[in-house]
Amino acid sequence: MVTIENITTCGAICINMDITLGDAIERCSQNRIRHLPVLDEDQRLTGLVTDRDLRSSLSPRIGTISEDNADRRTLNLHVHRIMKREVITASAETPLAEAAQLMLAHRIGCLPIIDSERHVIGIVTTTDLLRHLASQ
């Protein structure tokens, strides 16, 4: 039986709750990722923010000629204000089919993989699932 551990992207890029939206967007862009697990002060998963969450929280005038100081201030908001706090997760032992069913049922694009203390050990995305399927 194939488990999620076999396709997990290890070393997920995580952020803390006090990082700004602007810095989170930069992390996504630099690392070409769409999902950022958010950790508390004990390095435990406490939330998740996606590139879509970030874009929808910024002023639509950012980067345009009509951008003003109020628009730029949205870049300084902290991610804890917009992150999803109820995160669907899996363990490394979760069967691959069960992980895919979770993602489909909850209409989510990633599953943070956590240990028993909620420390993030990796992340599985729809791209990882598709890559695995294509390699079969």
N, C-alpha and C. Protein backbone atom coordinates (compact mmCIF):
# COMPACT_ATOMS: atom_id res chain seq x y z
N MET A 1 0.84 -1.18 0.00
CA MET A 1 0.00 0.00 0.00
C MET A 1 0.89 1.25 0.00
N VAL A 2 0.61 2.16 -0.91
CA VAL A 2 1.36 3.40 -1.00
C VAL A 2 0.81 4.39 0.03
N THR A 3 1.71 4.95 0.81
CA THR A 3 1.29 5.95 1.80
C THR A 3 1.72 7.33 1.32
N ILE A 4 1.19 8.31 1.98
CA ILE A 4 1.47 9.69 1.62
C ILE A 4 2.95 10.03 1.79
N GLU A 5 3.60 9.30 2.68
CA GLU A 5 5.03 9.50 2.93
C GLU A 5 5.85 9.32 1.66
N ASN A 6 5.38 8.44 0.76
CA ASN A 6 6.11 8.15 -0.47
C ASN A 6 6.13 9.31 -1.46
N ILE A 7 5.21 10.25 -1.35
CA ILE A 7 5.16 11.36 -2.32
C ILE A 7 5.23 12.73 -1.66
N THR A 8 5.42 12.76 -0.34
CA THR A 8 5.43 14.01 0.39
C THR A 8 6.62 14.88 -0.01
N THR A 9 6.34 16.16 -0.21
CA THR A 9 7.41 17.13 -0.40
C THR A 9 7.94 17.46 0.99
N CYS A 10 9.12 16.94 1.30
CA CYS A 10 9.69 17.16 2.63
C CYS A 10 10.28 18.57 2.72
N GLY A 11 10.42 19.04 3.93
CA GLY A 11 11.00 20.36 4.13
C GLY A 11 10.08 21.45 3.64
N ALA A 12 8.80 21.33 3.96
CA ALA A 12 7.83 22.36 3.56
C ALA A 12 8.28 23.73 4.06
N ILE A 13 8.07 24.73 3.25
CA ILE A 13 8.39 26.10 3.64
C ILE A 13 7.24 26.61 4.50
N CYS A 14 7.54 26.90 5.74
CA CYS A 14 6.55 27.35 6.71
C CYS A 14 6.85 28.79 7.12
N ILE A 15 5.84 29.44 7.65
CA ILE A 15 5.99 30.81 8.12
C ILE A 15 5.42 30.92 9.53
N ASN A 16 5.76 32.02 10.21
CA ASN A 16 5.14 32.24 11.52
C ASN A 16 3.96 33.19 11.37
N MET A 17 3.18 33.30 12.42
CA MET A 17 1.93 34.06 12.36
C MET A 17 2.13 35.56 12.18
N ASP A 18 3.30 36.07 12.51
CA ASP A 18 3.52 37.51 12.47
C ASP A 18 4.19 38.00 11.19
N ILE A 19 4.41 37.12 10.24
CA ILE A 19 4.98 37.55 8.96
C ILE A 19 3.92 38.40 8.24
N THR A 20 4.36 39.36 7.48
CA THR A 20 3.41 40.22 6.76
C THR A 20 2.93 39.56 5.48
N LEU A 21 1.80 40.05 4.99
CA LEU A 21 1.27 39.53 3.73
C LEU A 21 2.28 39.75 2.61
N GLY A 22 2.93 40.91 2.61
CA GLY A 22 3.93 41.20 1.59
C GLY A 22 5.07 40.19 1.61
N ASP A 23 5.56 39.86 2.82
CA ASP A 23 6.64 38.87 2.93
C ASP A 23 6.17 37.47 2.55
N ALA A 24 4.93 37.14 2.90
CA ALA A 24 4.39 35.83 2.53
C ALA A 24 4.27 35.70 1.01
N ILE A 25 3.81 36.75 0.37
CA ILE A 25 3.72 36.75 -1.10
C ILE A 25 5.09 36.56 -1.71
N GLU A 26 6.07 37.23 -1.15
CA GLU A 26 7.44 37.10 -1.65
C GLU A 26 7.95 35.67 -1.50
N ARG A 27 7.67 35.03 -0.35
CA ARG A 27 8.09 33.64 -0.14
C ARG A 27 7.46 32.72 -1.19
N CYS A 28 6.17 32.92 -1.43
CA CYS A 28 5.50 32.09 -2.44
C CYS A 28 6.14 32.29 -3.81
N SER A 29 6.38 33.53 -4.17
CA SER A 29 6.95 33.85 -5.47
C SER A 29 8.37 33.30 -5.61
N GLN A 30 9.20 33.54 -4.62
CA GLN A 30 10.59 33.09 -4.68
C GLN A 30 10.71 31.58 -4.78
N ASN A 31 9.84 30.88 -4.06
CA ASN A 31 9.93 29.43 -3.99
C ASN A 31 8.98 28.71 -4.94
N ARG A 32 8.21 29.50 -5.70
CA ARG A 32 7.26 28.96 -6.67
C ARG A 32 6.32 27.96 -6.02
N ILE A 33 5.71 28.40 -4.90
CA ILE A 33 4.76 27.57 -4.17
C ILE A 33 3.46 28.33 -3.98
N ARG A 34 2.41 27.60 -3.59
CA ARG A 34 1.10 28.23 -3.42
C ARG A 34 0.53 28.06 -2.02
N HIS A 35 1.19 27.28 -1.17
CA HIS A 35 0.66 26.99 0.16
C HIS A 35 1.73 27.20 1.21
N LEU A 36 1.38 27.91 2.27
CA LEU A 36 2.31 28.17 3.37
C LEU A 36 1.68 27.74 4.70
N PRO A 37 2.16 26.64 5.28
CA PRO A 37 1.73 26.29 6.63
C PRO A 37 2.20 27.38 7.60
N VAL A 38 1.35 27.71 8.55
CA VAL A 38 1.66 28.75 9.53
C VAL A 38 1.89 28.08 10.88
N LEU A 39 3.03 28.40 11.51
CA LEU A 39 3.41 27.78 12.77
C LEU A 39 3.28 28.75 13.93
N ASP A 40 2.99 28.20 15.12
CA ASP A 40 2.94 29.02 16.32
C ASP A 40 4.35 29.12 16.91
N GLU A 41 4.45 29.70 18.10
CA GLU A 41 5.77 29.91 18.71
C GLU A 41 6.45 28.60 19.10
N ASP A 42 5.70 27.51 19.19
CA ASP A 42 6.27 26.19 19.50
C ASP A 42 6.53 25.37 18.25
N GLN A 43 6.46 26.02 17.09
CA GLN A 43 6.70 25.38 15.79
C GLN A 43 5.66 24.32 15.46
N ARG A 44 4.44 24.51 15.97
CA ARG A 44 3.33 23.60 15.67
C ARG A 44 2.40 24.25 14.66
N LEU A 45 1.81 23.42 13.81
CA LEU A 45 0.88 23.93 12.81
C LEU A 45 -0.31 24.59 13.48
N THR A 46 -0.57 25.82 13.10
CA THR A 46 -1.70 26.55 13.66
C THR A 46 -2.62 27.11 12.58
N GLY A 47 -2.15 27.09 11.32
CA GLY A 47 -2.97 27.62 10.24
C GLY A 47 -2.34 27.37 8.90
N LEU A 48 -3.00 27.88 7.87
CA LEU A 48 -2.52 27.73 6.50
C LEU A 48 -2.95 28.95 5.72
N VAL A 49 -2.06 29.44 4.89
CA VAL A 49 -2.39 30.55 4.00
C VAL A 49 -1.98 30.16 2.59
N THR A 50 -2.83 30.50 1.63
CA THR A 50 -2.55 30.16 0.24
C THR A 50 -2.27 31.45 -0.54
N ASP A 51 -1.72 31.28 -1.73
CA ASP A 51 -1.49 32.46 -2.57
C ASP A 51 -2.81 33.14 -2.91
N ARG A 52 -3.86 32.37 -3.03
CA ARG A 52 -5.18 32.95 -3.31
C ARG A 52 -5.67 33.78 -2.12
N ASP A 53 -5.47 33.28 -0.90
CA ASP A 53 -5.84 34.04 0.30
C ASP A 53 -5.09 35.37 0.32
N LEU A 54 -3.81 35.30 0.00
CA LEU A 54 -2.97 36.50 0.02
C LEU A 54 -3.44 37.52 -1.01
N ARG A 55 -3.64 37.06 -2.24
CA ARG A 55 -4.06 37.99 -3.29
C ARG A 55 -5.41 38.61 -2.99
N SER A 56 -6.33 37.83 -2.45
CA SER A 56 -7.66 38.38 -2.19
C SER A 56 -7.69 39.32 -0.99
N SER A 57 -6.66 39.30 -0.16
CA SER A 57 -6.60 40.17 1.01
C SER A 57 -5.93 41.51 0.74
N LEU A 58 -5.27 41.62 -0.40
CA LEU A 58 -4.59 42.86 -0.75
C LEU A 58 -5.52 43.78 -1.52
N SER A 59 -5.21 45.04 -1.46
CA SER A 59 -5.95 46.00 -2.26
C SER A 59 -5.77 45.67 -3.74
N PRO A 60 -6.82 45.71 -4.51
CA PRO A 60 -6.70 45.42 -5.95
C PRO A 60 -5.89 46.49 -6.69
N ARG A 61 -5.64 47.61 -6.03
CA ARG A 61 -4.88 48.68 -6.69
C ARG A 61 -3.37 48.55 -6.50
N ILE A 62 -2.92 47.55 -5.70
CA ILE A 62 -1.48 47.35 -5.51
C ILE A 62 -0.85 47.11 -6.87
N GLY A 63 0.23 47.83 -7.14
CA GLY A 63 0.95 47.67 -8.40
C GLY A 63 0.37 48.43 -9.57
N THR A 64 -0.66 49.24 -9.32
CA THR A 64 -1.24 50.04 -10.39
C THR A 64 -0.92 51.50 -10.17
N ILE A 65 -1.20 52.30 -11.14
CA ILE A 65 -0.93 53.73 -11.06
C ILE A 65 -1.80 54.41 -9.98
N SER A 66 -2.92 53.82 -9.64
CA SER A 66 -3.81 54.43 -8.64
C SER A 66 -3.52 53.96 -7.22
N GLU A 67 -2.46 53.16 -7.03
CA GLU A 67 -2.06 52.69 -5.69
C GLU A 67 -1.73 53.88 -4.79
N ASP A 68 -2.19 53.83 -3.54
CA ASP A 68 -1.85 54.88 -2.58
C ASP A 68 -1.34 54.25 -1.29
N ASN A 69 -1.07 55.08 -0.29
CA ASN A 69 -0.51 54.59 0.97
C ASN A 69 -1.43 53.58 1.66
N ALA A 70 -2.72 53.81 1.62
CA ALA A 70 -3.67 52.87 2.25
C ALA A 70 -3.59 51.51 1.57
N ASP A 71 -3.43 51.50 0.25
CA ASP A 71 -3.29 50.24 -0.48
C ASP A 71 -2.01 49.52 -0.06
N ARG A 72 -0.92 50.26 0.03
CA ARG A 72 0.37 49.66 0.41
C ARG A 72 0.34 49.12 1.84
N ARG A 73 -0.47 49.73 2.71
CA ARG A 73 -0.54 49.25 4.10
C ARG A 73 -1.10 47.84 4.18
N THR A 74 -1.87 47.42 3.20
CA THR A 74 -2.39 46.04 3.24
C THR A 74 -1.24 45.03 3.17
N LEU A 75 -0.13 45.41 2.58
CA LEU A 75 1.04 44.53 2.51
C LEU A 75 1.63 44.29 3.89
N ASN A 76 1.34 45.18 4.84
CA ASN A 76 1.91 45.07 6.19
C ASN A 76 1.02 44.34 7.18
N LEU A 77 -0.15 43.90 6.75
CA LEU A 77 -1.00 43.10 7.63
C LEU A 77 -0.30 41.78 7.93
N HIS A 78 -0.58 41.20 9.07
CA HIS A 78 0.04 39.93 9.44
C HIS A 78 -0.84 38.77 9.00
N VAL A 79 -0.20 37.66 8.64
CA VAL A 79 -0.94 36.53 8.09
C VAL A 79 -1.93 35.92 9.08
N HIS A 80 -1.71 36.08 10.38
CA HIS A 80 -2.64 35.48 11.33
C HIS A 80 -4.04 36.09 11.18
N ARG A 81 -4.14 37.25 10.54
CA ARG A 81 -5.44 37.88 10.33
C ARG A 81 -6.23 37.23 9.20
N ILE A 82 -5.55 36.53 8.30
CA ILE A 82 -6.25 35.95 7.15
C ILE A 82 -6.12 34.43 7.05
N MET A 83 -5.25 33.82 7.84
CA MET A 83 -4.99 32.39 7.69
C MET A 83 -6.21 31.55 8.05
N LYS A 84 -6.28 30.40 7.44
CA LYS A 84 -7.30 29.41 7.79
C LYS A 84 -6.79 28.69 9.04
N ARG A 85 -7.62 28.64 10.05
CA ARG A 85 -7.20 28.04 11.32
C ARG A 85 -7.59 26.56 11.43
N GLU A 86 -8.61 26.15 10.74
CA GLU A 86 -9.01 24.75 10.76
C GLU A 86 -8.42 24.06 9.54
N VAL A 87 -7.26 23.48 9.73
CA VAL A 87 -6.50 22.91 8.63
C VAL A 87 -6.70 21.39 8.59
N ILE A 88 -7.05 20.89 7.43
CA ILE A 88 -7.15 19.44 7.22
C ILE A 88 -5.72 18.92 7.04
N THR A 89 -5.35 17.90 7.80
CA THR A 89 -3.99 17.38 7.78
C THR A 89 -4.00 15.87 7.61
N ALA A 90 -2.81 15.32 7.46
CA ALA A 90 -2.64 13.87 7.38
C ALA A 90 -1.33 13.52 8.08
N SER A 91 -1.16 12.24 8.35
CA SER A 91 0.10 11.76 8.90
C SER A 91 0.88 11.08 7.78
N ALA A 92 2.13 10.79 8.03
CA ALA A 92 2.97 10.15 7.02
C ALA A 92 2.44 8.76 6.65
N GLU A 93 1.71 8.12 7.56
CA GLU A 93 1.21 6.77 7.33
C GLU A 93 -0.14 6.74 6.60
N THR A 94 -0.71 7.90 6.33
CA THR A 94 -2.01 7.95 5.66
C THR A 94 -1.90 7.34 4.26
N PRO A 95 -2.78 6.40 3.93
CA PRO A 95 -2.75 5.82 2.58
C PRO A 95 -2.99 6.92 1.54
N LEU A 96 -2.34 6.79 0.42
CA LEU A 96 -2.42 7.78 -0.65
C LEU A 96 -3.86 7.99 -1.11
N ALA A 97 -4.62 6.93 -1.25
CA ALA A 97 -6.01 7.05 -1.70
C ALA A 97 -6.84 7.84 -0.68
N GLU A 98 -6.59 7.61 0.60
CA GLU A 98 -7.31 8.35 1.64
C GLU A 98 -6.96 9.83 1.60
N ALA A 99 -5.69 10.15 1.38
CA ALA A 99 -5.27 11.55 1.27
C ALA A 99 -5.97 12.23 0.09
N ALA A 100 -6.02 11.54 -1.04
CA ALA A 100 -6.68 12.10 -2.22
C ALA A 100 -8.17 12.31 -1.94
N GLN A 101 -8.80 11.36 -1.25
CA GLN A 101 -10.22 11.51 -0.91
C GLN A 101 -10.45 12.70 0.01
N LEU A 102 -9.55 12.90 0.97
CA LEU A 102 -9.65 14.06 1.87
C LEU A 102 -9.58 15.36 1.08
N MET A 103 -8.64 15.43 0.16
CA MET A 103 -8.47 16.64 -0.63
C MET A 103 -9.69 16.90 -1.50
N LEU A 104 -10.23 15.86 -2.09
CA LEU A 104 -11.43 16.00 -2.91
C LEU A 104 -12.64 16.40 -2.07
N ALA A 105 -12.83 15.74 -0.96
CA ALA A 105 -14.00 15.99 -0.11
C ALA A 105 -14.02 17.41 0.44
N HIS A 106 -12.83 17.93 0.76
CA HIS A 106 -12.75 19.26 1.36
C HIS A 106 -12.39 20.35 0.34
N ARG A 107 -12.21 19.92 -0.90
CA ARG A 107 -11.88 20.85 -2.00
C ARG A 107 -10.67 21.71 -1.65
N ILE A 108 -9.58 21.02 -1.29
CA ILE A 108 -8.34 21.70 -0.91
C ILE A 108 -7.21 21.26 -1.84
N GLY A 109 -6.21 22.12 -1.96
CA GLY A 109 -5.10 21.86 -2.86
C GLY A 109 -3.86 21.31 -2.19
N CYS A 110 -3.89 21.17 -0.86
CA CYS A 110 -2.73 20.61 -0.18
C CYS A 110 -3.14 19.98 1.14
N LEU A 111 -2.27 19.11 1.61
CA LEU A 111 -2.41 18.49 2.93
C LEU A 111 -1.09 18.63 3.67
N PRO A 112 -1.04 19.43 4.70
CA PRO A 112 0.16 19.42 5.52
C PRO A 112 0.28 18.05 6.21
N ILE A 113 1.48 17.52 6.23
CA ILE A 113 1.75 16.25 6.88
C ILE A 113 2.39 16.56 8.22
N ILE A 114 1.73 16.11 9.29
CA ILE A 114 2.19 16.46 10.63
C ILE A 114 2.48 15.21 11.45
N ASP A 115 3.29 15.39 12.50
CA ASP A 115 3.54 14.31 13.44
C ASP A 115 2.54 14.42 14.59
N SER A 116 2.70 13.59 15.59
CA SER A 116 1.73 13.54 16.69
C SER A 116 1.69 14.83 17.52
N GLU A 117 2.72 15.66 17.40
CA GLU A 117 2.75 16.92 18.15
C GLU A 117 2.43 18.12 17.26
N ARG A 118 1.90 17.87 16.07
CA ARG A 118 1.51 18.89 15.09
C ARG A 118 2.69 19.64 14.49
N HIS A 119 3.87 19.04 14.52
CA HIS A 119 5.02 19.62 13.80
C HIS A 119 4.89 19.21 12.34
N VAL A 120 5.13 20.15 11.45
CA VAL A 120 5.01 19.89 10.01
C VAL A 120 6.25 19.14 9.54
N ILE A 121 6.00 17.98 8.92
CA ILE A 121 7.12 17.19 8.38
C ILE A 121 7.14 17.22 6.86
N GLY A 122 6.11 17.77 6.28
CA GLY A 122 6.05 17.88 4.82
C GLY A 122 4.69 18.38 4.39
N ILE A 123 4.49 18.38 3.09
CA ILE A 123 3.22 18.82 2.52
C ILE A 123 3.00 18.05 1.22
N VAL A 124 1.75 17.68 0.98
CA VAL A 124 1.39 17.02 -0.27
C VAL A 124 0.40 17.93 -0.99
N THR A 125 0.64 18.16 -2.26
CA THR A 125 -0.22 19.02 -3.07
C THR A 125 -0.86 18.20 -4.19
N THR A 126 -1.82 18.80 -4.83
CA THR A 126 -2.43 18.12 -5.98
C THR A 126 -1.38 17.83 -7.05
N THR A 127 -0.41 18.71 -7.18
CA THR A 127 0.67 18.48 -8.15
C THR A 127 1.45 17.22 -7.79
N ASP A 128 1.71 17.01 -6.50
CA ASP A 128 2.42 15.79 -6.07
C ASP A 128 1.61 14.55 -6.41
N LEU A 129 0.30 14.62 -6.17
CA LEU A 129 -0.57 13.48 -6.50
C LEU A 129 -0.56 13.20 -8.00
N LEU A 130 -0.66 14.24 -8.81
CA LEU A 130 -0.66 14.07 -10.26
C LEU A 130 0.69 13.55 -10.75
N ARG A 131 1.76 14.06 -10.19
CA ARG A 131 3.10 13.60 -10.58
C ARG A 131 3.24 12.11 -10.27
N HIS A 132 2.75 11.69 -9.11
CA HIS A 132 2.82 10.28 -8.74
C HIS A 132 1.99 9.43 -9.71
N LEU A 133 0.78 9.88 -10.00
CA LEU A 133 -0.09 9.15 -10.92
C LEU A 133 0.53 9.05 -12.31
N ALA A 134 1.15 10.11 -12.76
CA ALA A 134 1.76 10.12 -14.09
C ALA A 134 2.97 9.20 -14.18
N SER A 135 3.61 8.94 -13.05
CA SER A 135 4.79 8.08 -13.07
C SER A 135 4.46 6.59 -13.02
N GLN A 136 3.19 6.27 -12.84
CA GLN A 136 2.76 4.86 -12.74
C GLN A 136 2.69 4.19 -14.09
